Amino acid sequence: MQHRRIGSLTVSLVGLGCNNFGRRIDERRTAEVVAAALDSGINFFDTADMYGDTLSEQYLGRALAGRRKDAVIATKFGWALDEERKGGASPAYVRRAAEDSLRRLGSDHIDLYQLHKPDPTVPIADTLAELDELVKAGKVREIGCSNFSAAQLREAEAAVRAGAARFVSVQNEYSLLKREPEQEVLPECERLGIAFLPYFPLASGLLSGKYRFGRPAPSGSRITPDGRYADWLAEPMLRRVEALIAFAETRGRTILELAFSWFAARKPVASVIAGATSPEQVRANAAAAEWRLTAEELAQVDRILAQAD
């Protein structure tokens, strides 16, 4: 397993997204998935207070009992949880959300604490100042953000007080099939020295190899013709998938390996955080980033996707 840096943190190139915990899998299954991740060399676990209606943090914390030192825990705040906990990024809410997450995780610190989405009602300087207080108190090691544009990253960087904590990471959607971050956010990450964390790196499972053109979606799949991600099953998208599958297979590889290993060639990417609902799935993900794509192979992938468009 390769390792990369998020500020002062050392994280595995393949991470584990914990959005399925408490939603698609129960506590017992969560413990099995977490154990498989650790045993496969994964040390980076990304959750959020909103995942599983706060159960994700609880399940993750209990699954890591006795192995906390082996894990780098990232969690997020900012989305509304209920009528009382309305979300946002005000200093008061930051404090409350952090204490609640620490309690649910059963930990005395959060390794990477992330603002889940921008809050236009609160000056970013105020949010950063409160996050800095959490760092100074030892409750948070590093801070990051999610769903930020390049302009918002620049605004946040300019608002940091001398010597105070700054965002060391940004987590946005990014995959072979959704490459908007390449236009502005990734170049800004390189300029500022910020790590990039792609979420939905498998395009909600479309790049796992189980969705094929001309075949029905597997039963129990997240992507369905009448569901939230129905657009993923449109013919143009599935033809892109077929082209990528063919490219990988001619090299004795799978599209899963291509999806993960493609990220390894992108300098700002620190960890590829894909979800898993079984130990087998997390082990496959952990092993999928070992392909070292050449510059010509990367260029060929670009040509394949351009032709598919």
Protein backbone atom coordinates (compact mmCIF):
# COMPACT_ATOMS: atom_id res chain seq x y z
CA MET A 1 0.00 0.00 0.00
CA GLN A 2 1.35 3.42 -0.96
CA HIS A 3 1.11 6.26 1.55
CA ARG A 4 0.73 9.98 1.01
CA ARG A 5 0.42 13.10 3.12
CA ILE A 6 -2.49 15.24 4.23
CA GLY A 7 -0.74 18.01 6.12
CA SER A 8 1.05 16.24 8.97
CA LEU A 9 -0.98 13.04 8.51
CA THR A 10 0.29 9.95 6.70
CA VAL A 11 -2.57 8.12 4.97
CA SER A 12 -2.98 5.06 2.78
CA LEU A 13 -3.52 5.77 -0.92
CA VAL A 14 -6.72 3.73 -0.71
CA GLY A 15 -9.01 4.89 2.07
CA LEU A 16 -12.38 3.69 3.29
CA GLY A 17 -15.48 5.84 2.90
CA CYS A 18 -17.82 5.15 5.80
CA ASN A 19 -21.10 6.44 4.38
CA ASN A 20 -22.56 2.91 4.28
CA PHE A 21 -22.15 2.38 8.03
CA GLY A 22 -25.51 2.58 9.80
CA ARG A 23 -27.31 2.91 6.49
CA ARG A 24 -26.59 -0.08 4.26
CA ILE A 25 -24.76 -2.25 6.81
CA ASP A 26 -25.25 -2.79 10.54
CA GLU A 27 -22.74 -2.59 13.37
CA ARG A 28 -21.53 -6.18 13.08
CA ARG A 29 -20.91 -5.86 9.36
CA THR A 30 -19.24 -2.50 9.90
CA ALA A 31 -16.78 -4.09 12.33
CA GLU A 32 -15.95 -6.77 9.75
CA VAL A 33 -15.35 -4.19 7.02
CA VAL A 34 -13.16 -2.03 9.28
CA ALA A 35 -11.10 -5.03 10.38
CA ALA A 36 -10.60 -6.10 6.76
CA ALA A 37 -9.51 -2.57 5.85
CA LEU A 38 -6.89 -2.42 8.60
CA ASP A 39 -5.63 -5.89 7.74
CA SER A 40 -5.34 -4.85 4.07
CA GLY A 41 -3.15 -1.84 4.86
CA ILE A 42 -5.87 0.82 4.84
CA ASN A 43 -5.46 3.32 7.67
CA PHE A 44 -7.62 6.23 6.46
CA PHE A 45 -11.31 6.23 7.40
CA ASP A 46 -13.57 9.02 6.18
CA THR A 47 -16.94 9.51 7.86
CA ALA A 48 -19.30 12.39 8.72
CA ASP A 49 -21.74 13.24 11.48
CA MET A 50 -24.65 12.94 9.04
CA TYR A 51 -23.78 9.45 7.74
CA GLY A 52 -26.27 6.87 8.93
CA ASP A 53 -27.97 9.54 11.06
CA THR A 54 -24.81 9.69 13.25
CA LEU A 55 -24.54 5.88 13.45
CA SER A 56 -21.52 5.80 11.12
CA GLU A 57 -19.34 7.61 13.65
CA GLN A 58 -20.62 5.42 16.48
CA TYR A 59 -20.05 2.16 14.60
CA LEU A 60 -16.62 3.27 13.37
CA GLY A 61 -15.51 4.30 16.84
CA ARG A 62 -16.55 0.98 18.34
CA ALA A 63 -14.99 -0.99 15.47
CA LEU A 64 -11.67 0.76 16.10
CA ALA A 65 -11.69 0.12 19.85
CA GLY A 66 -8.24 -1.15 20.73
CA ARG A 67 -6.86 -0.19 17.31
CA ARG A 68 -7.33 3.58 17.35
CA LYS A 69 -3.57 4.16 16.99
CA ASP A 70 -3.64 2.28 13.67
CA ALA A 71 -6.26 4.59 12.15
CA VAL A 72 -6.42 8.10 10.76
CA ILE A 73 -10.00 9.26 11.26
CA ALA A 74 -11.52 12.00 9.15
CA THR A 75 -15.02 13.24 9.84
CA LYS A 76 -17.14 16.14 8.66
CA PHE A 77 -19.70 18.63 9.96
CA GLY A 78 -21.99 21.23 8.45
CA TRP A 79 -25.11 19.49 7.17
CA ALA A 80 -28.26 19.70 9.27
CA LEU A 81 -28.88 16.64 11.43
CA ASP A 82 -32.30 17.54 12.83
CA GLU A 83 -34.40 20.51 13.91
CA GLU A 84 -32.11 21.20 16.86
CA ARG A 85 -28.79 20.62 15.10
CA LYS A 86 -29.31 22.72 12.01
CA GLY A 87 -25.77 22.53 10.67
CA GLY A 88 -23.70 25.36 9.31
CA ALA A 89 -20.24 26.67 10.14
CA SER A 90 -20.78 29.21 12.94
CA PRO A 91 -18.18 29.03 15.73
CA ALA A 92 -20.79 27.83 18.22
CA TYR A 93 -21.95 25.06 15.92
CA VAL A 94 -18.37 24.02 15.10
CA ARG A 95 -17.67 23.56 18.81
CA ARG A 96 -20.83 21.58 19.42
CA ALA A 97 -20.43 19.39 16.35
CA ALA A 98 -16.82 18.57 17.22
CA GLU A 99 -17.64 17.56 20.78
CA ASP A 100 -20.53 15.42 19.57
CA SER A 101 -18.33 13.68 16.99
CA LEU A 102 -15.58 13.03 19.55
CA ARG A 103 -18.12 11.44 21.86
CA ARG A 104 -19.62 9.24 19.15
CA LEU A 105 -16.18 8.18 17.92
CA GLY A 106 -15.02 7.41 21.45
CA SER A 107 -11.80 9.29 20.77
CA ASP A 108 -10.00 12.21 22.36
CA HIS A 109 -9.07 13.66 18.96
CA ILE A 110 -10.14 13.83 15.32
CA ASP A 111 -7.27 13.50 12.86
CA LEU A 112 -8.88 15.46 10.01
CA TYR A 113 -11.94 17.62 10.72
CA GLN A 114 -13.68 18.83 7.58
CA LEU A 115 -16.30 21.44 6.81
CA HIS A 116 -18.72 19.38 4.73
CA LYS A 117 -19.95 22.26 2.57
CA PRO A 118 -19.48 26.03 2.38
CA ASP A 119 -21.72 28.13 4.61
CA PRO A 120 -22.39 31.46 2.87
CA THR A 121 -23.98 32.90 6.03
CA VAL A 122 -20.77 32.73 8.08
CA PRO A 123 -17.47 34.46 7.21
CA ILE A 124 -14.92 31.74 6.54
CA ALA A 125 -12.49 33.58 8.84
CA ASP A 126 -14.83 32.95 11.78
CA THR A 127 -15.06 29.24 10.99
CA LEU A 128 -11.30 28.93 10.59
CA ALA A 129 -10.68 30.73 13.89
CA GLU A 130 -12.85 28.25 15.77
CA LEU A 131 -11.27 25.28 14.01
CA ASP A 132 -7.88 26.67 15.00
CA GLU A 133 -9.00 26.69 18.63
CA LEU A 134 -9.85 22.99 18.34
CA VAL A 135 -6.39 22.31 16.93
CA LYS A 136 -4.72 24.27 19.72
CA ALA A 137 -6.76 22.31 22.28
CA GLY A 138 -5.49 19.02 20.81
CA LYS A 139 -8.98 17.89 19.83
CA VAL A 140 -8.25 18.12 16.10
CA ARG A 141 -4.95 17.48 14.32
CA GLU A 142 -5.66 18.92 10.85
CA ILE A 143 -8.59 20.68 9.18
CA GLY A 144 -10.04 20.38 5.71
CA CYS A 145 -13.08 21.22 3.60
CA SER A 146 -15.42 19.56 1.13
CA ASN A 147 -17.39 20.70 -1.91
CA PHE A 148 -15.31 23.89 -2.22
CA SER A 149 -14.59 25.63 -5.50
CA ALA A 150 -11.15 26.99 -6.40
CA ALA A 151 -12.34 30.51 -5.54
CA GLN A 152 -13.54 29.34 -2.12
CA LEU A 153 -10.20 27.65 -1.48
CA ARG A 154 -8.42 30.91 -2.27
CA GLU A 155 -10.79 32.84 -0.01
CA ALA A 156 -10.16 30.42 2.86
CA GLU A 157 -6.39 30.59 2.41
CA ALA A 158 -6.46 34.39 2.46
CA ALA A 159 -8.52 34.36 5.69
CA VAL A 160 -6.04 32.30 7.73
CA ARG A 161 -4.40 34.24 10.55
CA ALA A 162 -0.61 34.08 10.85
CA GLY A 163 0.40 30.82 12.49
CA ALA A 164 -3.15 29.46 12.60
CA ALA A 165 -4.47 26.20 11.20
CA ARG A 166 -5.36 26.19 7.50
CA PHE A 167 -7.25 23.79 5.29
CA VAL A 168 -4.83 21.05 4.26
CA SER A 169 -7.33 19.11 2.15
CA VAL A 170 -10.41 19.43 0.00
CA GLN A 171 -12.84 16.60 -0.71
CA ASN A 172 -14.84 16.87 -3.94
CA GLU A 173 -16.46 14.45 -6.36
CA TYR A 174 -13.96 13.17 -8.93
CA SER A 175 -13.65 10.06 -11.07
CA LEU A 176 -12.75 8.91 -14.57
CA LEU A 177 -16.30 9.82 -15.54
CA LYS A 178 -16.57 13.13 -13.66
CA ARG A 179 -13.46 15.22 -14.18
CA GLU A 180 -14.54 18.80 -13.45
CA PRO A 181 -11.94 19.24 -10.65
CA GLU A 182 -9.20 19.15 -13.29
CA GLN A 183 -10.33 22.52 -14.63
CA GLU A 184 -9.67 24.68 -11.54
CA VAL A 185 -9.68 22.85 -8.20
CA LEU A 186 -6.76 20.47 -8.82
CA PRO A 187 -4.48 23.24 -10.13
CA GLU A 188 -5.40 25.33 -7.09
CA CYS A 189 -4.56 22.39 -4.81
CA GLU A 190 -1.12 22.17 -6.37
CA ARG A 191 -0.58 25.90 -6.02
CA LEU A 192 -1.61 25.97 -2.36
CA GLY A 193 -0.13 22.61 -1.39
CA ILE A 194 -3.55 21.18 -0.48
CA ALA A 195 -4.29 17.46 -0.67
CA PHE A 196 -7.24 16.37 -2.80
CA LEU A 197 -9.60 13.61 -1.62
CA PRO A 198 -11.92 12.30 -4.35
CA TYR A 199 -15.33 11.06 -3.27
CA PHE A 200 -17.45 8.79 -5.46
CA PRO A 201 -14.18 7.60 -7.12
CA LEU A 202 -16.06 4.63 -8.59
CA ALA A 203 -18.92 6.83 -9.84
CA SER A 204 -21.36 5.25 -7.36
CA GLY A 205 -20.25 1.79 -8.50
CA LEU A 206 -20.38 2.36 -12.25
CA LEU A 207 -16.61 1.80 -12.45
CA SER A 208 -16.72 -1.42 -10.43
CA GLY A 209 -17.44 -3.53 -13.52
CA LYS A 210 -20.87 -4.76 -12.48
CA TYR A 211 -22.84 -2.39 -14.74
CA ARG A 212 -22.59 -3.32 -18.44
CA PHE A 213 -24.17 -1.94 -21.59
CA GLY A 214 -27.12 -4.01 -22.75
CA ARG A 215 -27.42 -5.90 -19.48
CA PRO A 216 -29.81 -5.25 -16.57
CA ALA A 217 -28.34 -3.74 -13.42
CA PRO A 218 -27.62 -6.33 -10.70
CA SER A 219 -30.38 -6.73 -8.13
CA GLY A 220 -29.92 -4.60 -5.03
CA SER A 221 -27.68 -2.15 -6.88
CA ARG A 222 -27.38 1.48 -5.88
CA ILE A 223 -27.88 2.61 -9.48
CA THR A 224 -31.33 1.83 -10.88
CA PRO A 225 -33.17 3.09 -13.99
CA ASP A 226 -35.67 5.01 -11.88
CA GLY A 227 -33.40 6.01 -9.00
CA ARG A 228 -31.25 8.96 -7.99
CA TYR A 229 -28.35 7.98 -10.25
CA ALA A 230 -30.41 6.92 -13.27
CA ASP A 231 -28.36 9.16 -15.58
CA TRP A 232 -25.36 6.88 -14.99
CA LEU A 233 -27.21 4.12 -16.90
CA ALA A 234 -27.74 6.21 -20.05
CA GLU A 235 -26.24 4.69 -23.18
CA PRO A 236 -23.42 7.26 -23.65
CA MET A 237 -22.18 6.69 -20.10
CA LEU A 238 -22.32 2.91 -20.35
CA ARG A 239 -20.44 3.02 -23.66
CA ARG A 240 -17.65 4.93 -21.91
CA VAL A 241 -17.58 2.21 -19.28
CA GLU A 242 -17.36 -0.50 -21.94
CA ALA A 243 -14.46 1.30 -23.60
CA LEU A 244 -12.61 1.51 -20.29
CA ILE A 245 -13.29 -2.17 -19.56
CA ALA A 246 -11.84 -3.12 -22.96
CA PHE A 247 -8.75 -0.96 -22.35
CA ALA A 248 -8.11 -2.59 -18.98
CA GLU A 249 -8.74 -6.13 -20.18
CA THR A 250 -6.23 -5.85 -23.02
CA ARG A 251 -3.64 -5.32 -20.27
CA GLY A 252 -4.85 -8.16 -18.08
CA ARG A 253 -6.47 -5.70 -15.66
CA THR A 254 -9.97 -4.81 -14.48
CA ILE A 255 -11.85 -1.56 -14.67
CA LEU A 256 -11.70 -1.46 -10.84
CA GLU A 257 -7.90 -1.47 -11.02
CA LEU A 258 -8.00 1.23 -13.68
CA ALA A 259 -10.35 3.42 -11.62
CA PHE A 260 -8.08 3.33 -8.55
CA SER A 261 -4.69 3.31 -10.26
CA TRP A 262 -5.60 6.26 -12.46
CA PHE A 263 -5.80 8.36 -9.29
CA ALA A 264 -2.35 7.21 -8.17
CA ALA A 265 -0.88 9.09 -11.15
CA ARG A 266 -2.49 12.38 -10.07
CA LYS A 267 -0.17 14.32 -7.83
CA PRO A 268 -2.61 16.21 -5.54
CA VAL A 269 -4.64 13.07 -4.76
CA ALA A 270 -3.77 11.83 -1.27
CA SER A 271 -6.28 9.01 -0.69
CA VAL A 272 -9.03 7.44 -2.78
CA ILE A 273 -11.96 7.04 -0.42
CA ALA A 274 -14.32 4.37 -1.72
CA GLY A 275 -17.12 2.84 0.29
CA ALA A 276 -17.50 -0.88 0.92
CA THR A 277 -20.24 -3.09 2.32
CA SER A 278 -18.27 -6.33 2.74
CA PRO A 279 -14.75 -7.45 3.69
CA GLU A 280 -14.31 -8.90 0.18
CA GLN A 281 -15.10 -5.56 -1.39
CA VAL A 282 -12.70 -3.61 0.80
CA ARG A 283 -9.91 -6.13 0.13
CA ALA A 284 -10.47 -5.78 -3.61
CA ASN A 285 -10.35 -1.99 -3.33
CA ALA A 286 -7.14 -2.11 -1.30
CA ALA A 287 -5.40 -4.21 -3.95
CA ALA A 288 -6.69 -2.20 -6.90
CA ALA A 289 -4.22 0.70 -6.83
CA GLU A 290 -1.09 -1.31 -7.65
CA TRP A 291 -1.11 -0.74 -11.43
CA ARG A 292 1.49 1.87 -12.43
CA LEU A 293 -0.01 3.48 -15.51
CA THR A 294 2.51 4.87 -17.99
CA ALA A 295 2.21 8.32 -19.51
CA GLU A 296 1.12 6.73 -22.79
CA GLU A 297 -1.55 4.65 -21.05
CA LEU A 298 -2.88 7.74 -19.31
CA ALA A 299 -2.98 9.58 -22.63
CA GLN A 300 -4.79 6.62 -24.21
CA VAL A 301 -7.43 6.72 -21.46
CA ASP A 302 -7.98 10.41 -22.24
CA ARG A 303 -8.36 9.60 -25.95
CA ILE A 304 -10.80 6.78 -25.23
CA LEU A 305 -13.02 9.03 -23.12
CA ALA A 306 -12.84 11.84 -25.70
CA GLN A 307 -13.92 9.44 -28.44
CA ALA A 308 -16.75 8.11 -26.30
CA ASP A 309 -18.02 11.67 -25.87
